[in-house]
Amino acid sequence: MSDKKPRLIPTGNCWCGCGKEVGLGKFFAAGHDKAAESALIALKWNGSVPEFLHAHGYGPQHSVSHAAVEAGVWTTCEHCDYMGAPASVANHKRKYHSDEK
């Protein structure tokens, strides 16, 4: 059995369903990705992020952040315990650790 995900293609319209046209290669109008995410959590998990995490096997006993790092989709800051997407970690390092080598 394959865990291969389908290749999603931007359509030129925002994927939140608002109908706005978006730029080439984009799925969402600015900020609409988070709105769509919030709407889905509201629809499927009563607006509860803890219920959403629990439904996927995460919580205090199993860190979703650590799982993202272990899967290689997130990284960590070598100066502290901050974790996030590579661009987020780069911004964090510039803001908090720019004087460290």
Protein backbone atom coordinates (compact mmCIF):
# COMPACT_ATOMS: atom_id res chain seq x y z
CA MET A 1 0.00 0.00 0.00
CA SER A 2 1.35 3.42 -0.96
CA ASP A 3 1.21 6.53 1.22
CA LYS A 4 1.78 8.65 -1.87
CA LYS A 5 -0.32 11.79 -1.80
CA PRO A 6 -1.93 13.19 -4.93
CA ARG A 7 -0.28 16.15 -6.63
CA LEU A 8 -2.49 19.15 -5.99
CA ILE A 9 -2.69 21.80 -8.68
CA PRO A 10 -3.59 25.45 -7.99
CA THR A 11 -6.70 26.41 -9.94
CA GLY A 12 -6.43 30.21 -9.95
CA ASN A 13 -9.17 30.45 -7.32
CA CYS A 14 -8.80 30.43 -3.55
CA TRP A 15 -9.19 26.94 -2.11
CA CYS A 16 -11.09 28.21 0.95
CA GLY A 17 -14.07 28.51 -1.39
CA CYS A 18 -14.45 32.31 -1.22
CA GLY A 19 -14.19 32.60 -5.02
CA LYS A 20 -11.29 35.09 -5.05
CA GLU A 21 -8.80 34.82 -7.85
CA VAL A 22 -5.26 34.12 -6.67
CA GLY A 23 -1.85 34.49 -8.26
CA LEU A 24 -0.10 31.92 -10.37
CA GLY A 25 0.94 28.89 -8.31
CA LYS A 26 -1.07 29.92 -5.22
CA PHE A 27 -3.81 27.94 -3.51
CA PHE A 28 -5.10 30.69 -1.20
CA ALA A 29 -5.65 34.42 -0.99
CA ALA A 30 -3.58 35.99 1.81
CA GLY A 31 -4.66 34.57 5.18
CA HIS A 32 -7.33 32.33 3.72
CA ASP A 33 -5.29 29.18 4.39
CA LYS A 34 -5.66 29.79 8.14
CA ALA A 35 -9.36 30.63 7.71
CA ALA A 36 -9.91 27.34 5.87
CA GLU A 37 -7.95 25.47 8.53
CA SER A 38 -10.05 27.07 11.29
CA ALA A 39 -13.28 26.30 9.45
CA LEU A 40 -12.33 22.64 9.06
CA ILE A 41 -11.42 22.34 12.76
CA ALA A 42 -14.74 24.02 13.65
CA LEU A 43 -16.64 21.68 11.32
CA LYS A 44 -14.97 18.39 12.23
CA TRP A 45 -13.69 18.88 15.81
CA ASN A 46 -16.11 21.39 17.37
CA GLY A 47 -13.55 24.15 16.97
CA SER A 48 -11.23 22.39 19.40
CA VAL A 49 -7.55 22.12 18.49
CA PRO A 50 -7.03 19.62 21.35
CA GLU A 51 -9.76 17.37 19.87
CA PHE A 52 -8.15 17.72 16.44
CA LEU A 53 -4.72 16.76 17.80
CA HIS A 54 -6.16 13.87 19.83
CA ALA A 55 -8.01 12.53 16.76
CA HIS A 56 -4.64 12.29 15.02
CA GLY A 57 -2.83 10.69 17.96
CA TYR A 58 -1.08 13.78 19.34
CA GLY A 59 -1.19 15.57 22.67
CA PRO A 60 0.93 15.93 25.79
CA GLN A 61 2.03 12.28 25.56
CA HIS A 62 3.01 12.52 21.85
CA SER A 63 4.28 15.86 20.60
CA VAL A 64 3.13 16.88 17.13
CA SER A 65 6.08 19.32 17.01
CA HIS A 66 8.62 16.59 17.73
CA ALA A 67 6.92 14.33 15.18
CA ALA A 68 7.26 17.07 12.54
CA VAL A 69 10.99 17.39 13.32
CA GLU A 70 11.47 13.61 13.22
CA ALA A 71 9.66 13.46 9.86
CA GLY A 72 12.00 16.12 8.50
CA VAL A 73 9.27 18.66 7.71
CA TRP A 74 10.25 20.95 10.62
CA THR A 75 13.67 21.81 12.05
CA THR A 76 15.03 23.00 15.37
CA CYS A 77 17.09 26.00 16.39
CA GLU A 78 20.60 24.95 17.36
CA HIS A 79 20.70 27.70 20.01
CA CYS A 80 17.51 26.83 21.95
CA ASP A 81 14.51 24.50 21.93
CA TYR A 82 12.49 26.39 19.26
CA MET A 83 10.96 24.17 16.55
CA GLY A 84 9.18 25.12 13.35
CA ALA A 85 9.13 25.19 9.60
CA PRO A 86 12.58 25.99 8.16
CA ALA A 87 11.58 29.58 7.26
CA SER A 88 10.15 30.09 10.75
CA VAL A 89 13.35 28.82 12.40
CA ALA A 90 15.43 31.10 10.15
CA ASN A 91 13.31 34.10 11.20
CA HIS A 92 13.58 33.05 14.85
CA LYS A 93 17.37 32.83 14.62
CA ARG A 94 17.64 36.27 12.99
CA LYS A 95 15.42 37.79 15.67
CA TYR A 96 16.77 36.06 18.79
CA HIS A 97 20.23 34.72 17.97
CA SER A 98 21.72 37.09 15.38
CA ASP A 99 24.70 37.82 17.63
CA GLU A 100 25.51 34.10 18.23
CA LYS A 101 27.81 32.09 15.99
